[in-house]
PDB file of N, CA and C in Angstrom:
ATOM      1  N   MET A   1      61.208  99.514  94.783  1.00  0.00           N
ATOM      2  CA  MET A   1      62.074 100.113  95.801  1.00  0.00           C
ATOM      3  C   MET A   1      63.463 100.390  95.233  1.00  0.00           C
ATOM      4  N   ALA A   2      63.904 101.604  95.375  1.00  0.00           N
ATOM      5  CA  ALA A   2      65.253 101.973  94.949  1.00  0.00           C
ATOM      6  C   ALA A   2      66.320 101.365  95.848  1.00  0.00           C
ATOM      7  N   ILE A   3      67.397 100.918  95.189  1.00  0.00           N
ATOM      8  CA  ILE A   3      68.554 100.406  95.891  1.00  0.00           C
ATOM      9  C   ILE A   3      69.694 101.409  95.672  1.00  0.00           C
ATOM     10  N   GLU A   4      70.264 101.882  96.750  1.00  0.00           N
ATOM     11  CA  GLU A   4      71.400 102.805  96.642  1.00  0.00           C
ATOM     12  C   GLU A   4      72.676 101.968  96.386  1.00  0.00           C
ATOM     13  N   VAL A   5      73.461 102.421  95.421  1.00  0.00           N
ATOM     14  CA  VAL A   5      74.757 101.822  95.216  1.00  0.00           C
ATOM     15  C   VAL A   5      75.774 102.780  95.803  1.00  0.00           C
ATOM     16  N   LEU A   6      76.584 102.201  96.697  1.00  0.00           N
ATOM     17  CA  LEU A   6      77.521 102.992  97.518  1.00  0.00           C
ATOM     18  C   LEU A   6      78.887 103.047  96.973  1.00  0.00           C
ATOM     19  N   MET A   7      79.631 104.140  97.336  1.00  0.00           N
ATOM     20  CA  MET A   7      81.064 104.142  97.109  1.00  0.00           C
ATOM     21  C   MET A   7      81.685 103.166  97.991  1.00  0.00           C
ATOM     22  N   PRO A   8      82.377 102.196  97.481  1.00  0.00           N
ATOM     23  CA  PRO A   8      82.911 101.139  98.332  1.00  0.00           C
ATOM     24  C   PRO A   8      84.002 101.699  99.316  1.00  0.00           C
ATOM     25  N   PHE A   9      84.156 100.962 100.487  1.00  0.00           N
ATOM     26  CA  PHE A   9      85.154 101.233 101.381  1.00  0.00           C
ATOM     27  C   PHE A   9      86.476 100.549 100.862  1.00  0.00           C
ATOM     28  N   ILE A  10      87.363 101.414 100.337  1.00  0.00           N
ATOM     29  CA  ILE A  10      88.587 100.792  99.781  1.00  0.00           C
ATOM     30  C   ILE A  10      89.765 100.995 100.711  1.00  0.00           C
ATOM     31  N   THR A  11      89.752 102.103 101.430  1.00  0.00           N
ATOM     32  CA  THR A  11      90.888 102.386 102.365  1.00  0.00           C
ATOM     33  C   THR A  11      90.301 102.429 103.792  1.00  0.00           C
ATOM     34  N   ASP A  12      91.112 102.288 104.753  1.00  0.00           N
ATOM     35  CA  ASP A  12      90.668 102.349 106.170  1.00  0.00           C
ATOM     36  C   ASP A  12      90.353 103.756 106.619  1.00  0.00           C
ATOM     37  N   GLY A  13      91.027 104.742 106.056  1.00  0.00           N
ATOM     38  CA  GLY A  13      90.734 106.134 106.500  1.00  0.00           C
ATOM     39  C   GLY A  13      89.396 106.632 105.984  1.00  0.00           C
ATOM     40  N   GLY A  14      89.097 107.875 106.298  1.00  0.00           N
ATOM     41  CA  GLY A  14      87.855 108.430 105.848  1.00  0.00           C
ATOM     42  C   GLY A  14      87.968 109.168 104.556  1.00  0.00           C
ATOM     43  N   GLU A  15      88.956 108.879 103.773  1.00  0.00           N
ATOM     44  CA  GLU A  15      89.192 109.569 102.502  1.00  0.00           C
ATOM     45  C   GLU A  15      87.952 109.472 101.586  1.00  0.00           C
ATOM     46  N   GLU A  16      87.795 110.496 100.782  1.00  0.00           N
ATOM     47  CA  GLU A  16      86.763 110.524  99.781  1.00  0.00           C
ATOM     48  C   GLU A  16      87.267 109.800  98.556  1.00  0.00           C
ATOM     49  N   GLY A  17      86.362 109.346  97.707  1.00  0.00           N
ATOM     50  CA  GLY A  17      86.760 108.703  96.433  1.00  0.00           C
ATOM     51  C   GLY A  17      86.058 109.442  95.312  1.00  0.00           C
ATOM     52  N   VAL A  18      86.334 108.973  94.145  1.00  0.00           N
ATOM     53  CA  VAL A  18      85.694 109.580  92.965  1.00  0.00           C
ATOM     54  C   VAL A  18      85.276 108.413  91.953  1.00  0.00           C
ATOM     55  N   VAL A  19      84.250 108.699  91.218  1.00  0.00           N
ATOM     56  CA  VAL A  19      83.920 107.780  90.118  1.00  0.00           C
ATOM     57  C   VAL A  19      84.780 108.248  88.965  1.00  0.00           C
ATOM     58  N   THR A  20      85.636 107.330  88.500  1.00  0.00           N
ATOM     59  CA  THR A  20      86.500 107.677  87.358  1.00  0.00           C
ATOM     60  C   THR A  20      85.863 107.355  86.013  1.00  0.00           C
ATOM     61  N   ALA A  21      84.923 106.482  85.989  1.00  0.00           N
ATOM     62  CA  ALA A  21      84.215 106.134  84.773  1.00  0.00           C
ATOM     63  C   ALA A  21      82.877 105.491  85.056  1.00  0.00           C
ATOM     64  N   TRP A  22      81.897 105.923  84.274  1.00  0.00           N
ATOM     65  CA  TRP A  22      80.564 105.198  84.342  1.00  0.00           C
ATOM     66  C   TRP A  22      80.561 104.330  83.063  1.00  0.00           C
ATOM     67  N   MET A  23      80.138 103.067  83.304  1.00  0.00           N
ATOM     68  CA  MET A  23      79.967 102.128  82.175  1.00  0.00           C
ATOM     69  C   MET A  23      78.532 102.072  81.695  1.00  0.00           C
ATOM     70  N   VAL A  24      77.676 102.852  82.329  1.00  0.00           N
ATOM     71  CA  VAL A  24      76.240 102.942  81.938  1.00  0.00           C
ATOM     72  C   VAL A  24      75.897 104.408  81.899  1.00  0.00           C
ATOM     73  N   ASP A  25      74.778 104.685  81.209  1.00  0.00           N
ATOM     74  CA  ASP A  25      74.238 106.033  81.104  1.00  0.00           C
ATOM     75  C   ASP A  25      73.051 106.129  82.067  1.00  0.00           C
ATOM     76  N   GLU A  26      72.704 107.403  82.403  1.00  0.00           N
ATOM     77  CA  GLU A  26      71.523 107.573  83.181  1.00  0.00           C
ATOM     78  C   GLU A  26      70.261 106.976  82.432  1.00  0.00           C
ATOM     79  N   GLY A  27      69.521 106.162  83.192  1.00  0.00           N
ATOM     80  CA  GLY A  27      68.330 105.522  82.604  1.00  0.00           C
ATOM     81  C   GLY A  27      68.591 104.227  81.926  1.00  0.00           C
ATOM     82  N   SER A  28      69.876 103.675  81.980  1.00  0.00           N
ATOM     83  CA  SER A  28      70.188 102.418  81.360  1.00  0.00           C
ATOM     84  C   SER A  28      69.675 101.245  82.188  1.00  0.00           C
ATOM     85  N   SER A  29      69.274 100.220  81.545  1.00  0.00           N
ATOM     86  CA  SER A  29      68.905  98.984  82.242  1.00  0.00           C
ATOM     87  C   SER A  29      70.123  98.151  82.525  1.00  0.00           C
ATOM     88  N   VAL A  30      70.178  97.569  83.739  1.00  0.00           N
ATOM     89  CA  VAL A  30      71.319  96.738  84.069  1.00  0.00           C
ATOM     90  C   VAL A  30      70.833  95.408  84.719  1.00  0.00           C
ATOM     91  N   ALA A  31      71.697  94.463  84.632  1.00  0.00           N
ATOM     92  CA  ALA A  31      71.400  93.131  85.230  1.00  0.00           C
ATOM     93  C   ALA A  31      72.266  92.933  86.441  1.00  0.00           C
ATOM     94  N   THR A  32      71.926  92.263  87.396  1.00  0.00           N
ATOM     95  CA  THR A  32      72.752  91.915  88.592  1.00  0.00           C
ATOM     96  C   THR A  32      74.083  91.436  88.223  1.00  0.00           C
ATOM     97  N   GLY A  33      75.157  92.050  88.745  1.00  0.00           N
ATOM     98  CA  GLY A  33      76.480  91.652  88.470  1.00  0.00           C
ATOM     99  C   GLY A  33      77.185  92.425  87.291  1.00  0.00           C
ATOM    100  N   ALA A  34      76.385  93.283  86.645  1.00  0.00           N
ATOM    101  CA  ALA A  34      76.900  94.016  85.528  1.00  0.00           C
ATOM    102  C   ALA A  34      77.893  95.095  86.007  1.00  0.00           C
ATOM    103  N   LEU A  35      78.932  95.329  85.334  1.00  0.00           N
ATOM    104  CA  LEU A  35      79.848  96.367  85.671  1.00  0.00           C
ATOM    105  C   LEU A  35      79.251  97.748  85.372  1.00  0.00           C
ATOM    106  N   ILE A  36      79.071  98.580  86.400  1.00  0.00           N
ATOM    107  CA  ILE A  36      78.437  99.929  86.201  1.00  0.00           C
ATOM    108  C   ILE A  36      79.396 101.065  86.358  1.00  0.00           C
ATOM    109  N   ALA A  37      80.499 100.908  87.129  1.00  0.00           N
ATOM    110  CA  ALA A  37      81.330 102.079  87.349  1.00  0.00           C
ATOM    111  C   ALA A  37      82.740 101.586  87.758  1.00  0.00           C
ATOM    112  N   GLU A  38      83.693 102.505  87.605  1.00  0.00           N
ATOM    113  CA  GLU A  38      84.984 102.339  88.247  1.00  0.00           C
ATOM    114  C   GLU A  38      85.235 103.500  89.151  1.00  0.00           C
ATOM    115  N   VAL A  39      85.665 103.132  90.371  1.00  0.00           N
ATOM    116  CA  VAL A  39      85.844 104.209  91.391  1.00  0.00           C
ATOM    117  C   VAL A  39      87.304 104.147  91.803  1.00  0.00           C
ATOM    118  N   GLN A  40      87.761 105.232  92.475  1.00  0.00           N
ATOM    119  CA  GLN A  40      89.100 105.324  92.961  1.00  0.00           C
ATOM    120  C   GLN A  40      89.140 106.091  94.269  1.00  0.00           C
ATOM    121  N   VAL A  41      89.827 105.559  95.208  1.00  0.00           N
ATOM    122  CA  VAL A  41      90.174 106.157  96.518  1.00  0.00           C
ATOM    123  C   VAL A  41      91.655 106.112  96.637  1.00  0.00           C
ATOM    124  N   GLU A  42      92.206 107.325  96.949  1.00  0.00           N
ATOM    125  CA  GLU A  42      93.628 107.454  96.936  1.00  0.00           C
ATOM    126  C   GLU A  42      94.131 107.036  95.542  1.00  0.00           C
ATOM    127  N   LYS A  43      94.989 106.001  95.447  1.00  0.00           N
ATOM    128  CA  LYS A  43      95.425 105.542  94.147  1.00  0.00           C
ATOM    129  C   LYS A  43      94.998 104.103  93.914  1.00  0.00           C
ATOM    130  N   VAL A  44      93.954 103.680  94.585  1.00  0.00           N
ATOM    131  CA  VAL A  44      93.434 102.375  94.441  1.00  0.00           C
ATOM    132  C   VAL A  44      92.113 102.373  93.712  1.00  0.00           C
ATOM    133  N   SER A  45      91.971 101.667  92.574  1.00  0.00           N
ATOM    134  CA  SER A  45      90.777 101.599  91.867  1.00  0.00           C
ATOM    135  C   SER A  45      89.959 100.311  92.134  1.00  0.00           C
ATOM    136  N   GLN A  46      88.647 100.364  91.945  1.00  0.00           N
ATOM    137  CA  GLN A  46      87.856  99.238  92.112  1.00  0.00           C
ATOM    138  C   GLN A  46      86.605  99.280  91.186  1.00  0.00           C
ATOM    139  N   ASP A  47      86.200  98.200  90.694  1.00  0.00           N
ATOM    140  CA  ASP A  47      85.001  98.083  89.870  1.00  0.00           C
ATOM    141  C   ASP A  47      83.787  98.028  90.771  1.00  0.00           C
ATOM    142  N   VAL A  48      82.673  98.675  90.347  1.00  0.00           N
ATOM    143  CA  VAL A  48      81.406  98.518  91.056  1.00  0.00           C
ATOM    144  C   VAL A  48      80.402  97.784  90.213  1.00  0.00           C
ATOM    145  N   LEU A  49      79.789  96.772  90.782  1.00  0.00           N
ATOM    146  CA  LEU A  49      78.831  95.964  90.021  1.00  0.00           C
ATOM    147  C   LEU A  49      77.433  96.214  90.509  1.00  0.00           C
ATOM    148  N   ALA A  50      76.445  96.086  89.627  1.00  0.00           N
ATOM    149  CA  ALA A  50      75.065  96.250  89.977  1.00  0.00           C
ATOM    150  C   ALA A  50      74.662  95.162  90.945  1.00  0.00           C
ATOM    151  N   PRO A  51      74.061  95.550  92.122  1.00  0.00           N
ATOM    152  CA  PRO A  51      73.648  94.574  93.057  1.00  0.00           C
ATOM    153  C   PRO A  51      72.302  93.930  92.751  1.00  0.00           C
ATOM    154  N   VAL A  52      71.499  94.574  91.830  1.00  0.00           N
ATOM    155  CA  VAL A  52      70.211  94.078  91.459  1.00  0.00           C
ATOM    156  C   VAL A  52      69.949  94.452  90.013  1.00  0.00           C
ATOM    157  N   ASP A  53      68.915  93.820  89.463  1.00  0.00           N
ATOM    158  CA  ASP A  53      68.402  94.241  88.110  1.00  0.00           C
ATOM    159  C   ASP A  53      67.530  95.521  88.271  1.00  0.00           C
ATOM    160  N   GLY A  54      67.661  96.352  87.242  1.00  0.00           N
ATOM    161  CA  GLY A  54      66.835  97.569  87.233  1.00  0.00           C
ATOM    162  C   GLY A  54      67.327  98.633  86.336  1.00  0.00           C
ATOM    163  N   VAL A  55      67.020  99.858  86.623  1.00  0.00           N
ATOM    164  CA  VAL A  55      67.392 101.029  85.853  1.00  0.00           C
ATOM    165  C   VAL A  55      68.230 101.945  86.714  1.00  0.00           C
ATOM    166  N   VAL A  56      69.386 102.409  86.147  1.00  0.00           N
ATOM    167  CA  VAL A  56      70.290 103.246  86.932  1.00  0.00           C
ATOM    168  C   VAL A  56      69.924 104.672  86.814  1.00  0.00           C
ATOM    169  N   ILE A  57      69.798 105.369  87.988  1.00  0.00           N
ATOM    170  CA  ILE A  57      69.466 106.804  88.023  1.00  0.00           C
ATOM    171  C   ILE A  57      70.309 107.517  89.044  1.00  0.00           C
ATOM    172  N   GLY A  58      70.367 108.841  88.984  1.00  0.00           N
ATOM    173  CA  GLY A  58      71.110 109.662  89.993  1.00  0.00           C
ATOM    174  C   GLY A  58      72.535 109.395  89.966  1.00  0.00           C
ATOM    175  N   LEU A  59      73.232 109.356  88.845  1.00  0.00           N
ATOM    176  CA  LEU A  59      74.657 109.126  88.764  1.00  0.00           C
ATOM    177  C   LEU A  59      75.413 110.364  89.313  1.00  0.00           C
ATOM    178  N   VAL A  60      76.429 110.137  90.222  1.00  0.00           N
ATOM    179  CA  VAL A  60      77.151 111.287  90.660  1.00  0.00           C
ATOM    180  C   VAL A  60      78.106 111.645  89.494  1.00  0.00           C
ATOM    181  N   PRO A  61      78.487 112.868  89.403  1.00  0.00           N
ATOM    182  CA  PRO A  61      79.448 113.263  88.296  1.00  0.00           C
ATOM    183  C   PRO A  61      80.776 112.608  88.409  1.00  0.00           C
ATOM    184  N   ILE A  62      81.413 112.374  87.333  1.00  0.00           N
ATOM    185  CA  ILE A  62      82.761 111.845  87.292  1.00  0.00           C
ATOM    186  C   ILE A  62      83.669 112.807  88.027  1.00  0.00           C
ATOM    187  N   ASN A  63      84.589 112.261  88.803  1.00  0.00           N
ATOM    188  CA  ASN A  63      85.590 113.067  89.561  1.00  0.00           C
ATOM    189  C   ASN A  63      84.998 113.961  90.660  1.00  0.00           C
ATOM    190  N   HIS A  64      83.766 113.725  91.064  1.00  0.00           N
ATOM    191  CA  HIS A  64      83.134 114.533  92.183  1.00  0.00           C
ATOM    192  C   HIS A  64      83.449 113.822  93.423  1.00  0.00           C
ATOM    193  N   PRO A  65      84.094 114.465  94.379  1.00  0.00           N
ATOM    194  CA  PRO A  65      84.509 113.787  95.681  1.00  0.00           C
ATOM    195  C   PRO A  65      83.257 113.250  96.424  1.00  0.00           C
ATOM    196  N   THR A  66      83.328 111.990  96.760  1.00  0.00           N
ATOM    197  CA  THR A  66      82.189 111.359  97.404  1.00  0.00           C
ATOM    198  C   THR A  66      82.741 110.513  98.528  1.00  0.00           C
ATOM    199  N   ALA A  67      82.198 110.625  99.732  1.00  0.00           N
ATOM    200  CA  ALA A  67      82.595 109.820 100.875  1.00  0.00           C
ATOM    201  C   ALA A  67      82.464 108.371 100.621  1.00  0.00           C
ATOM    202  N   GLN A  68      83.393 107.574 101.184  1.00  0.00           N
ATOM    203  CA  GLN A  68      83.233 106.132 101.124  1.00  0.00           C
ATOM    204  C   GLN A  68      82.014 105.779 101.855  1.00  0.00           C
ATOM    205  N   GLY A  69      81.183 104.918 101.337  1.00  0.00           N
ATOM    206  CA  GLY A  69      79.909 104.498 102.005  1.00  0.00           C
ATOM    207  C   GLY A  69      78.752 105.349 101.606  1.00  0.00           C
ATOM    208  N   ALA A  70      78.962 106.481 100.835  1.00  0.00           N
ATOM    209  CA  ALA A  70      77.888 107.377 100.367  1.00  0.00           C
ATOM    210  C   ALA A  70      77.348 106.825  99.020  1.00  0.00           C
ATOM    211  N   PRO A  71      76.091 107.148  98.710  1.00  0.00           N
ATOM    212  CA  PRO A  71      75.538 106.747  97.418  1.00  0.00           C
ATOM    213  C   PRO A  71      76.218 107.336  96.226  1.00  0.00           C
ATOM    214  N   ILE A  72      76.433 106.583  95.157  1.00  0.00           N
ATOM    215  CA  ILE A  72      76.970 107.071  93.902  1.00  0.00           C
ATOM    216  C   ILE A  72      75.940 107.049  92.837  1.00  0.00           C
ATOM    217  N   CYS A  73      74.902 106.187  93.039  1.00  0.00           N
ATOM    218  CA  CYS A  73      73.714 106.112  92.096  1.00  0.00           C
ATOM    219  C   CYS A  73      72.644 105.318  92.844  1.00  0.00           C
ATOM    220  N   ARG A  74      71.449 105.163  92.131  1.00  0.00           N
ATOM    221  CA  ARG A  74      70.462 104.305  92.584  1.00  0.00           C
ATOM    222  C   ARG A  74      69.983 103.422  91.488  1.00  0.00           C
ATOM    223  N   ILE A  75      69.472 102.245  91.818  1.00  0.00           N
ATOM    224  CA  ILE A  75      68.948 101.302  90.824  1.00  0.00           C
ATOM    225  C   ILE A  75      67.466 101.065  91.246  1.00  0.00           C
ATOM    226  N   VAL A  76      66.532 101.403  90.284  1.00  0.00           N
ATOM    227  CA  VAL A  76      65.162 101.197  90.532  1.00  0.00           C
ATOM    228  C   VAL A  76      64.546 100.191  89.616  1.00  0.00           C
ATOM    229  N   GLY A  77      63.439  99.629  90.020  1.00  0.00           N
ATOM    230  CA  GLY A  77      62.749  98.616  89.204  1.00  0.00           C
ATOM    231  C   GLY A  77      62.033  99.357  88.086  1.00  0.00           C
ATOM    232  N   MET A  78      61.762  98.686  86.982  1.00  0.00           N
ATOM    233  CA  MET A  78      61.064  99.328  85.858  1.00  0.00           C
ATOM    234  C   MET A  78      59.678  99.832  86.230  1.00  0.00           C
ATOM    235  N   ASP A  79      59.031  99.118  87.130  1.00  0.00           N
ATOM    236  CA  ASP A  79      57.651  99.481  87.561  1.00  0.00           C
ATOM    237  C   ASP A  79      57.699 100.858  88.312  1.00  0.00           C
ATOM    238  N   GLU A  80      58.796 101.242  88.920  1.00  0.00           N
ATOM    239  CA  GLU A  80      58.852 102.443  89.681  1.00  0.00           C
ATOM    240  C   GLU A  80      59.115 103.630  88.758  1.00  0.00           C
ATOM    241  N   LEU A  81      59.453 103.439  87.538  1.00  0.00           N
ATOM    242  CA  LEU A  81      59.652 104.605  86.638  1.00  0.00           C
ATOM    243  C   LEU A  81      58.400 105.050  85.987  1.00  0.00           C
ATOM    244  N   MET A  82      57.300 104.265  86.127  1.00  0.00           N
ATOM    245  CA  MET A  82      56.042 104.689  85.466  1.00  0.00           C
ATOM    246  C   MET A  82      55.147 105.423  86.409  1.00  0.00           C
TER     247      MET A  82
END
């Protein structure tokens, strides 16, 4: 089952945020708690950690405006890739 990783809610307004850096590549394996991205809303940055073990897919492009609470990538189990 794929788990969506969401743009965190950093500010109270409905501002969009951007991924400023991916620490993983498409198809990379990650462990729970691993740093996978840095995001920014307004001028506030925040790290995003992997919520589960798996493989990262569907990365949004760096600096692509993304609503807070919207998916920025998905993490799937190894068995789902086969």
